Amino acid sequence: MSNWIELVIFAVLLAAFAVINLYRLCKGPTPGDRMTAGDSMDILITCAMVLFAMYTGRTILLDISIISAMLGIIDTMLVGRYLDNGRWRKK
């Protein structure tokens, strides 16, 4: 029974972090801050999927969370390169 209590505590903390992160995503002073908040939100969503997979016992959610994490990394690299204003381009 204590495992379920730990899962509930983790879910509440995850929701609190998501609310704080959503504020930074909307009110970020720079695009870099918004990009970092978006990446953090992707990590939080992946953690929530893993938590829900543990709660329900469905292993397919773990596969989906791994794919989501991989796509989040690619997205962060692409947006970071876009915000870099072409510094990596050879002139």
PDB file of N, CA and C in Angstrom:
ATOM      1  N   MET A   1       0.810  -1.202   0.000  1.00  0.00           N
ATOM      2  CA  MET A   1       0.000   0.000   0.000  1.00  0.00           C
ATOM      3  C   MET A   1       0.854   1.267   0.000  1.00  0.00           C
ATOM      4  N   SER A   2       2.053   1.217   0.565  1.00  0.00           N
ATOM      5  CA  SER A   2       2.882   2.417   0.609  1.00  0.00           C
ATOM      6  C   SER A   2       3.388   2.789  -0.789  1.00  0.00           C
ATOM      7  N   ASN A   3       3.461   1.812  -1.706  1.00  0.00           N
ATOM      8  CA  ASN A   3       3.885   2.141  -3.071  1.00  0.00           C
ATOM      9  C   ASN A   3       2.893   3.076  -3.737  1.00  0.00           C
ATOM     10  N   TRP A   4       1.603   2.879  -3.473  1.00  0.00           N
ATOM     11  CA  TRP A   4       0.593   3.756  -4.073  1.00  0.00           C
ATOM     12  C   TRP A   4       0.673   5.158  -3.501  1.00  0.00           C
ATOM     13  N   ILE A   5       0.993   5.256  -2.226  1.00  0.00           N
ATOM     14  CA  ILE A   5       1.137   6.573  -1.611  1.00  0.00           C
ATOM     15  C   ILE A   5       2.322   7.313  -2.227  1.00  0.00           C
ATOM     16  N   GLU A   6       3.403   6.600  -2.465  1.00  0.00           N
ATOM     17  CA  GLU A   6       4.564   7.216  -3.098  1.00  0.00           C
ATOM     18  C   GLU A   6       4.245   7.665  -4.518  1.00  0.00           C
ATOM     19  N   LEU A   7       3.454   6.889  -5.250  1.00  0.00           N
ATOM     20  CA  LEU A   7       3.050   7.280  -6.599  1.00  0.00           C
ATOM     21  C   LEU A   7       2.174   8.522  -6.578  1.00  0.00           C
ATOM     22  N   VAL A   8       1.291   8.627  -5.600  1.00  0.00           N
ATOM     23  CA  VAL A   8       0.427   9.808  -5.492  1.00  0.00           C
ATOM     24  C   VAL A   8       1.251  11.043  -5.153  1.00  0.00           C
ATOM     25  N   ILE A   9       2.191  10.898  -4.242  1.00  0.00           N
ATOM     26  CA  ILE A   9       3.063  12.019  -3.886  1.00  0.00           C
ATOM     27  C   ILE A   9       3.865  12.470  -5.106  1.00  0.00           C
ATOM     28  N   PHE A  10       4.394  11.515  -5.867  1.00  0.00           N
ATOM     29  CA  PHE A  10       5.153  11.850  -7.065  1.00  0.00           C
ATOM     30  C   PHE A  10       4.263  12.537  -8.097  1.00  0.00           C
ATOM     31  N   ALA A  11       3.020  12.076  -8.234  1.00  0.00           N
ATOM     32  CA  ALA A  11       2.096  12.701  -9.195  1.00  0.00           C
ATOM     33  C   ALA A  11       1.766  14.134  -8.794  1.00  0.00           C
ATOM     34  N   VAL A  12       1.595  14.391  -7.511  1.00  0.00           N
ATOM     35  CA  VAL A  12       1.305  15.754  -7.046  1.00  0.00           C
ATOM     36  C   VAL A  12       2.504  16.664  -7.295  1.00  0.00           C
ATOM     37  N   LEU A  13       3.697  16.184  -7.014  1.00  0.00           N
ATOM     38  CA  LEU A  13       4.899  16.978  -7.281  1.00  0.00           C
ATOM     39  C   LEU A  13       5.076  17.227  -8.773  1.00  0.00           C
ATOM     40  N   LEU A  14       4.783  16.219  -9.571  1.00  0.00           N
ATOM     41  CA  LEU A  14       4.881  16.367 -11.019  1.00  0.00           C
ATOM     42  C   LEU A  14       3.899  17.413 -11.529  1.00  0.00           C
ATOM     43  N   ALA A  15       2.693  17.441 -10.982  1.00  0.00           N
ATOM     44  CA  ALA A  15       1.698  18.442 -11.379  1.00  0.00           C
ATOM     45  C   ALA A  15       2.134  19.844 -10.955  1.00  0.00           C
ATOM     46  N   ALA A  16       2.722  19.968  -9.774  1.00  0.00           N
ATOM     47  CA  ALA A  16       3.205  21.276  -9.318  1.00  0.00           C
ATOM     48  C   ALA A  16       4.336  21.781 -10.215  1.00  0.00           C
ATOM     49  N   PHE A  17       5.253  20.895 -10.576  1.00  0.00           N
ATOM     50  CA  PHE A  17       6.332  21.290 -11.479  1.00  0.00           C
ATOM     51  C   PHE A  17       5.784  21.685 -12.846  1.00  0.00           C
ATOM     52  N   ALA A  18       4.745  20.989 -13.307  1.00  0.00           N
ATOM     53  CA  ALA A  18       4.155  21.309 -14.611  1.00  0.00           C
ATOM     54  C   ALA A  18       3.512  22.691 -14.599  1.00  0.00           C
ATOM     55  N   VAL A  19       2.860  23.054 -13.500  1.00  0.00           N
ATOM     56  CA  VAL A  19       2.234  24.379 -13.409  1.00  0.00           C
ATOM     57  C   VAL A  19       3.301  25.476 -13.414  1.00  0.00           C
ATOM     58  N   ILE A  20       4.365  25.276 -12.651  1.00  0.00           N
ATOM     59  CA  ILE A  20       5.456  26.246 -12.622  1.00  0.00           C
ATOM     60  C   ILE A  20       6.105  26.358 -13.998  1.00  0.00           C
ATOM     61  N   ASN A  21       6.284  25.213 -14.644  1.00  0.00           N
ATOM     62  CA  ASN A  21       6.904  25.192 -15.963  1.00  0.00           C
ATOM     63  C   ASN A  21       6.002  25.829 -17.020  1.00  0.00           C
ATOM     64  N   LEU A  22       4.712  25.659 -16.894  1.00  0.00           N
ATOM     65  CA  LEU A  22       3.769  26.270 -17.832  1.00  0.00           C
ATOM     66  C   LEU A  22       3.811  27.789 -17.728  1.00  0.00           C
ATOM     67  N   TYR A  23       3.991  28.295 -16.526  1.00  0.00           N
ATOM     68  CA  TYR A  23       4.137  29.740 -16.348  1.00  0.00           C
ATOM     69  C   TYR A  23       5.372  30.244 -17.096  1.00  0.00           C
ATOM     70  N   ARG A  24       6.490  29.521 -16.978  1.00  0.00           N
ATOM     71  CA  ARG A  24       7.721  29.930 -17.659  1.00  0.00           C
ATOM     72  C   ARG A  24       7.566  29.805 -19.169  1.00  0.00           C
ATOM     73  N   LEU A  25       6.794  28.830 -19.617  1.00  0.00           N
ATOM     74  CA  LEU A  25       6.575  28.652 -21.048  1.00  0.00           C
ATOM     75  C   LEU A  25       5.776  29.811 -21.631  1.00  0.00           C
ATOM     76  N   CYS A  26       4.827  30.331 -20.873  1.00  0.00           N
ATOM     77  CA  CYS A  26       3.994  31.440 -21.365  1.00  0.00           C
ATOM     78  C   CYS A  26       4.655  32.799 -21.160  1.00  0.00           C
ATOM     79  N   LYS A  27       5.340  33.006 -20.050  1.00  0.00           N
ATOM     80  CA  LYS A  27       5.873  34.325 -19.696  1.00  0.00           C
ATOM     81  C   LYS A  27       7.386  34.441 -19.825  1.00  0.00           C
ATOM     82  N   GLY A  28       8.022  33.487 -20.488  1.00  0.00           N
ATOM     83  CA  GLY A  28       9.481  33.534 -20.598  1.00  0.00           C
ATOM     84  C   GLY A  28       9.967  34.820 -21.230  1.00  0.00           C
ATOM     85  N   PRO A  29      10.953  35.481 -20.646  1.00  0.00           N
ATOM     86  CA  PRO A  29      11.398  36.756 -21.206  1.00  0.00           C
ATOM     87  C   PRO A  29      12.132  36.609 -22.542  1.00  0.00           C
ATOM     88  N   THR A  30      12.773  35.479 -22.773  1.00  0.00           N
ATOM     89  CA  THR A  30      13.501  35.282 -24.027  1.00  0.00           C
ATOM     90  C   THR A  30      13.040  33.992 -24.692  1.00  0.00           C
ATOM     91  N   PRO A  31      13.263  33.872 -25.987  1.00  0.00           N
ATOM     92  CA  PRO A  31      12.914  32.615 -26.652  1.00  0.00           C
ATOM     93  C   PRO A  31      13.696  31.414 -26.125  1.00  0.00           C
ATOM     94  N   GLY A  32      14.909  31.647 -25.668  1.00  0.00           N
ATOM     95  CA  GLY A  32      15.691  30.565 -25.077  1.00  0.00           C
ATOM     96  C   GLY A  32      15.046  30.010 -23.814  1.00  0.00           C
ATOM     97  N   ASP A  33      14.482  30.906 -22.997  1.00  0.00           N
ATOM     98  CA  ASP A  33      13.772  30.463 -21.797  1.00  0.00           C
ATOM     99  C   ASP A  33      12.542  29.642 -22.156  1.00  0.00           C
ATOM    100  N   ARG A  34      11.839  30.072 -23.183  1.00  0.00           N
ATOM    101  CA  ARG A  34      10.651  29.330 -23.618  1.00  0.00           C
ATOM    102  C   ARG A  34      11.035  27.965 -24.183  1.00  0.00           C
ATOM    103  N   MET A  35      12.153  27.909 -24.895  1.00  0.00           N
ATOM    104  CA  MET A  35      12.609  26.636 -25.431  1.00  0.00           C
ATOM    105  C   MET A  35      12.987  25.678 -24.307  1.00  0.00           C
ATOM    106  N   THR A  36      13.668  26.197 -23.299  1.00  0.00           N
ATOM    107  CA  THR A  36      14.036  25.371 -22.162  1.00  0.00           C
ATOM    108  C   THR A  36      12.804  24.892 -21.412  1.00  0.00           C
ATOM    109  N   ALA A  37      11.809  25.752 -21.266  1.00  0.00           N
ATOM    110  CA  ALA A  37      10.573  25.352 -20.601  1.00  0.00           C
ATOM    111  C   ALA A  37       9.819  24.315 -21.425  1.00  0.00           C
ATOM    112  N   GLY A  38       9.843  24.443 -22.739  1.00  0.00           N
ATOM    113  CA  GLY A  38       9.202  23.447 -23.587  1.00  0.00           C
ATOM    114  C   GLY A  38       9.877  22.094 -23.485  1.00  0.00           C
ATOM    115  N   ASP A  39      11.205  22.092 -23.418  1.00  0.00           N
ATOM    116  CA  ASP A  39      11.940  20.842 -23.248  1.00  0.00           C
ATOM    117  C   ASP A  39      11.652  20.226 -21.883  1.00  0.00           C
ATOM    118  N   SER A  40      11.587  21.058 -20.869  1.00  0.00           N
ATOM    119  CA  SER A  40      11.259  20.558 -19.531  1.00  0.00           C
ATOM    120  C   SER A  40       9.845  20.006 -19.487  1.00  0.00           C
ATOM    121  N   MET A  41       8.926  20.631 -20.216  1.00  0.00           N
ATOM    122  CA  MET A  41       7.559  20.136 -20.258  1.00  0.00           C
ATOM    123  C   MET A  41       7.506  18.773 -20.940  1.00  0.00           C
ATOM    124  N   ASP A  42       8.325  18.577 -21.971  1.00  0.00           N
ATOM    125  CA  ASP A  42       8.393  17.277 -22.620  1.00  0.00           C
ATOM    126  C   ASP A  42       8.897  16.208 -21.658  1.00  0.00           C
ATOM    127  N   ILE A  43       9.884  16.557 -20.866  1.00  0.00           N
ATOM    128  CA  ILE A  43      10.401  15.609 -19.871  1.00  0.00           C
ATOM    129  C   ILE A  43       9.336  15.298 -18.825  1.00  0.00           C
ATOM    130  N   LEU A  44       8.591  16.308 -18.386  1.00  0.00           N
ATOM    131  CA  LEU A  44       7.524  16.077 -17.407  1.00  0.00           C
ATOM    132  C   LEU A  44       6.413  15.205 -17.978  1.00  0.00           C
ATOM    133  N   ILE A  45       6.074  15.395 -19.243  1.00  0.00           N
ATOM    134  CA  ILE A  45       5.044  14.559 -19.866  1.00  0.00           C
ATOM    135  C   ILE A  45       5.532  13.118 -19.983  1.00  0.00           C
ATOM    136  N   THR A  46       6.806  12.945 -20.313  1.00  0.00           N
ATOM    137  CA  THR A  46       7.370  11.604 -20.382  1.00  0.00           C
ATOM    138  C   THR A  46       7.339  10.934 -19.012  1.00  0.00           C
ATOM    139  N   CYS A  47       7.684  11.680 -17.972  1.00  0.00           N
ATOM    140  CA  CYS A  47       7.626  11.131 -16.611  1.00  0.00           C
ATOM    141  C   CYS A  47       6.200  10.791 -16.209  1.00  0.00           C
ATOM    142  N   ALA A  48       5.244  11.608 -16.621  1.00  0.00           N
ATOM    143  CA  ALA A  48       3.844  11.317 -16.310  1.00  0.00           C
ATOM    144  C   ALA A  48       3.373  10.051 -17.016  1.00  0.00           C
ATOM    145  N   MET A  49       3.825   9.839 -18.249  1.00  0.00           N
ATOM    146  CA  MET A  49       3.456   8.609 -18.953  1.00  0.00           C
ATOM    147  C   MET A  49       4.057   7.377 -18.272  1.00  0.00           C
ATOM    148  N   VAL A  50       5.289   7.494 -17.811  1.00  0.00           N
ATOM    149  CA  VAL A  50       5.905   6.380 -17.088  1.00  0.00           C
ATOM    150  C   VAL A  50       5.156   6.117 -15.781  1.00  0.00           C
ATOM    151  N   LEU A  51       4.772   7.179 -15.098  1.00  0.00           N
ATOM    152  CA  LEU A  51       4.013   7.030 -13.856  1.00  0.00           C
ATOM    153  C   LEU A  51       2.671   6.358 -14.113  1.00  0.00           C
ATOM    154  N   PHE A  52       1.985   6.763 -15.184  1.00  0.00           N
ATOM    155  CA  PHE A  52       0.700   6.156 -15.506  1.00  0.00           C
ATOM    156  C   PHE A  52       0.873   4.702 -15.936  1.00  0.00           C
ATOM    157  N   ALA A  53       1.994   4.387 -16.617  1.00  0.00           N
ATOM    158  CA  ALA A  53       2.269   3.001 -16.984  1.00  0.00           C
ATOM    159  C   ALA A  53       2.496   2.143 -15.743  1.00  0.00           C
ATOM    160  N   MET A  54       3.160   2.706 -14.742  1.00  0.00           N
ATOM    161  CA  MET A  54       3.347   1.971 -13.491  1.00  0.00           C
ATOM    162  C   MET A  54       2.024   1.762 -12.779  1.00  0.00           C
ATOM    163  N   TYR A  55       1.154   2.750 -12.838  1.00  0.00           N
ATOM    164  CA  TYR A  55      -0.132   2.669 -12.152  1.00  0.00           C
ATOM    165  C   TYR A  55      -1.061   1.647 -12.807  1.00  0.00           C
ATOM    166  N   THR A  56      -1.117   1.645 -14.151  1.00  0.00           N
ATOM    167  CA  THR A  56      -2.045   0.761 -14.849  1.00  0.00           C
ATOM    168  C   THR A  56      -1.442  -0.589 -15.206  1.00  0.00           C
ATOM    169  N   GLY A  57      -0.128  -0.677 -15.282  1.00  0.00           N
ATOM    170  CA  GLY A  57       0.517  -1.927 -15.646  1.00  0.00           C
ATOM    171  C   GLY A  57       0.600  -2.149 -17.144  1.00  0.00           C
ATOM    172  N   ARG A  58       0.319  -1.142 -17.939  1.00  0.00           N
ATOM    173  CA  ARG A  58       0.408  -1.250 -19.392  1.00  0.00           C
ATOM    174  C   ARG A  58       1.821  -0.911 -19.843  1.00  0.00           C
ATOM    175  N   THR A  59       2.461  -1.862 -20.500  1.00  0.00           N
ATOM    176  CA  THR A  59       3.842  -1.643 -20.915  1.00  0.00           C
ATOM    177  C   THR A  59       3.939  -0.853 -22.216  1.00  0.00           C
ATOM    178  N   ILE A  60       2.868  -0.753 -22.990  1.00  0.00           N
ATOM    179  CA  ILE A  60       2.911  -0.007 -24.240  1.00  0.00           C
ATOM    180  C   ILE A  60       3.167   1.483 -23.971  1.00  0.00           C
ATOM    181  N   LEU A  61       2.742   1.963 -22.813  1.00  0.00           N
ATOM    182  CA  LEU A  61       2.965   3.365 -22.477  1.00  0.00           C
ATOM    183  C   LEU A  61       4.445   3.670 -22.274  1.00  0.00           C
ATOM    184  N   LEU A  62       5.212   2.675 -21.854  1.00  0.00           N
ATOM    185  CA  LEU A  62       6.653   2.879 -21.709  1.00  0.00           C
ATOM    186  C   LEU A  62       7.309   3.070 -23.070  1.00  0.00           C
ATOM    187  N   ASP A  63       6.857   2.302 -24.063  1.00  0.00           N
ATOM    188  CA  ASP A  63       7.392   2.476 -25.412  1.00  0.00           C
ATOM    189  C   ASP A  63       7.044   3.855 -25.962  1.00  0.00           C
ATOM    190  N   ILE A  64       5.825   4.288 -25.734  1.00  0.00           N
ATOM    191  CA  ILE A  64       5.405   5.609 -26.199  1.00  0.00           C
ATOM    192  C   ILE A  64       6.198   6.703 -25.502  1.00  0.00           C
ATOM    193  N   SER A  65       6.476   6.530 -24.219  1.00  0.00           N
ATOM    194  CA  SER A  65       7.239   7.551 -23.499  1.00  0.00           C
ATOM    195  C   SER A  65       8.687   7.622 -23.993  1.00  0.00           C
ATOM    196  N   ILE A  66       9.268   6.491 -24.377  1.00  0.00           N
ATOM    197  CA  ILE A  66      10.628   6.501 -24.922  1.00  0.00           C
ATOM    198  C   ILE A  66      10.654   7.233 -26.257  1.00  0.00           C
ATOM    199  N   ILE A  67       9.652   6.976 -27.104  1.00  0.00           N
ATOM    200  CA  ILE A  67       9.578   7.668 -28.397  1.00  0.00           C
ATOM    201  C   ILE A  67       9.367   9.163 -28.186  1.00  0.00           C
ATOM    202  N   SER A  68       8.528   9.516 -27.229  1.00  0.00           N
ATOM    203  CA  SER A  68       8.285  10.929 -26.934  1.00  0.00           C
ATOM    204  C   SER A  68       9.569  11.622 -26.468  1.00  0.00           C
ATOM    205  N   ALA A  69      10.349  10.958 -25.649  1.00  0.00           N
ATOM    206  CA  ALA A  69      11.608  11.537 -25.176  1.00  0.00           C
ATOM    207  C   ALA A  69      12.595  11.721 -26.327  1.00  0.00           C
ATOM    208  N   MET A  70      12.658  10.748 -27.230  1.00  0.00           N
ATOM    209  CA  MET A  70      13.570  10.877 -28.372  1.00  0.00           C
ATOM    210  C   MET A  70      13.144  12.021 -29.293  1.00  0.00           C
ATOM    211  N   LEU A  71      11.853  12.155 -29.535  1.00  0.00           N
ATOM    212  CA  LEU A  71      11.381  13.251 -30.370  1.00  0.00           C
ATOM    213  C   LEU A  71      11.591  14.600 -29.696  1.00  0.00           C
ATOM    214  N   GLY A  72      11.508  14.640 -28.376  1.00  0.00           N
ATOM    215  CA  GLY A  72      11.764  15.883 -27.639  1.00  0.00           C
ATOM    216  C   GLY A  72      13.200  16.344 -27.774  1.00  0.00           C
ATOM    217  N   ILE A  73      14.131  15.395 -27.792  1.00  0.00           N
ATOM    218  CA  ILE A  73      15.537  15.751 -27.961  1.00  0.00           C
ATOM    219  C   ILE A  73      15.770  16.331 -29.353  1.00  0.00           C
ATOM    220  N   ILE A  74      15.194  15.690 -30.364  1.00  0.00           N
ATOM    221  CA  ILE A  74      15.339  16.185 -31.735  1.00  0.00           C
ATOM    222  C   ILE A  74      14.711  17.568 -31.867  1.00  0.00           C
ATOM    223  N   ASP A  75      13.544  17.756 -31.273  1.00  0.00           N
ATOM    224  CA  ASP A  75      12.867  19.056 -31.318  1.00  0.00           C
ATOM    225  C   ASP A  75      13.714  20.140 -30.664  1.00  0.00           C
ATOM    226  N   THR A  76      14.322  19.844 -29.545  1.00  0.00           N
ATOM    227  CA  THR A  76      15.161  20.822 -28.860  1.00  0.00           C
ATOM    228  C   THR A  76      16.369  21.202 -29.704  1.00  0.00           C
ATOM    229  N   MET A  77      16.966  20.222 -30.361  1.00  0.00           N
ATOM    230  CA  MET A  77      18.112  20.538 -31.216  1.00  0.00           C
ATOM    231  C   MET A  77      17.701  21.403 -32.404  1.00  0.00           C
ATOM    232  N   LEU A  78      16.563  21.108 -33.010  1.00  0.00           N
ATOM    233  CA  LEU A  78      16.126  21.886 -34.164  1.00  0.00           C
ATOM    234  C   LEU A  78      15.751  23.318 -33.784  1.00  0.00           C
ATOM    235  N   VAL A  79      15.031  23.486 -32.690  1.00  0.00           N
ATOM    236  CA  VAL A  79      14.649  24.831 -32.265  1.00  0.00           C
ATOM    237  C   VAL A  79      15.869  25.608 -31.811  1.00  0.00           C
ATOM    238  N   GLY A  80      16.790  24.956 -31.143  1.00  0.00           N
ATOM    239  CA  GLY A  80      18.021  25.620 -30.729  1.00  0.00           C
ATOM    240  C   GLY A  80      18.845  26.089 -31.909  1.00  0.00           C
ATOM    241  N   ARG A  81      18.874  25.280 -32.944  1.00  0.00           N
ATOM    242  CA  ARG A  81      19.605  25.686 -34.146  1.00  0.00           C
ATOM    243  C   ARG A  81      18.906  26.852 -34.841  1.00  0.00           C
ATOM    244  N   TYR A  82      17.574  26.845 -34.808  1.00  0.00           N
ATOM    245  CA  TYR A  82      16.828  27.952 -35.399  1.00  0.00           C
ATOM    246  C   TYR A  82      17.064  29.249 -34.617  1.00  0.00           C
ATOM    247  N   LEU A  83      17.090  29.165 -33.291  1.00  0.00           N
ATOM    248  CA  LEU A  83      17.290  30.354 -32.466  1.00  0.00           C
ATOM    249  C   LEU A  83      18.733  30.840 -32.484  1.00  0.00           C
ATOM    250  N   ASP A  84      19.635  30.005 -32.948  1.00  0.00           N
ATOM    251  CA  ASP A  84      21.053  30.367 -32.980  1.00  0.00           C
ATOM    252  C   ASP A  84      21.358  31.345 -34.104  1.00  0.00           C
ATOM    253  N   ASN A  85      20.400  31.622 -34.959  1.00  0.00           N
ATOM    254  CA  ASN A  85      20.533  32.569 -36.069  1.00  0.00           C
ATOM    255  C   ASN A  85      21.617  32.163 -37.057  1.00  0.00           C
ATOM    256  N   GLY A  86      21.757  30.868 -37.282  1.00  0.00           N
ATOM    257  CA  GLY A  86      22.659  30.411 -38.321  1.00  0.00           C
ATOM    258  C   GLY A  86      24.132  30.504 -37.988  1.00  0.00           C
ATOM    259  N   ARG A  87      24.488  30.449 -36.734  1.00  0.00           N
ATOM    260  CA  ARG A  87      25.898  30.543 -36.373  1.00  0.00           C
ATOM    261  C   ARG A  87      26.691  29.344 -36.914  1.00  0.00           C
ATOM    262  N   TRP A  88      26.012  28.204 -37.106  1.00  0.00           N
ATOM    263  CA  TRP A  88      26.701  26.999 -37.554  1.00  0.00           C
ATOM    264  C   TRP A  88      26.844  26.952 -39.064  1.00  0.00           C
ATOM    265  N   ARG A  89      26.234  27.866 -39.772  1.00  0.00           N
ATOM    266  CA  ARG A  89      26.346  27.860 -41.220  1.00  0.00           C
ATOM    267  C   ARG A  89      27.740  28.282 -41.638  1.00  0.00           C
ATOM    268  N   LYS A  90      28.249  27.608 -42.635  1.00  0.00           N
ATOM    269  CA  LYS A  90      29.569  27.979 -43.157  1.00  0.00           C
ATOM    270  C   LYS A  90      29.394  29.144 -44.120  1.00  0.00           C
ATOM    271  N   LYS A  91      30.218  30.140 -43.969  1.00  0.00           N
ATOM    272  CA  LYS A  91      30.118  31.330 -44.819  1.00  0.00           C
ATOM    273  C   LYS A  91      31.284  31.411 -45.762  1.00  0.00           C
TER     274      LYS A  91
END
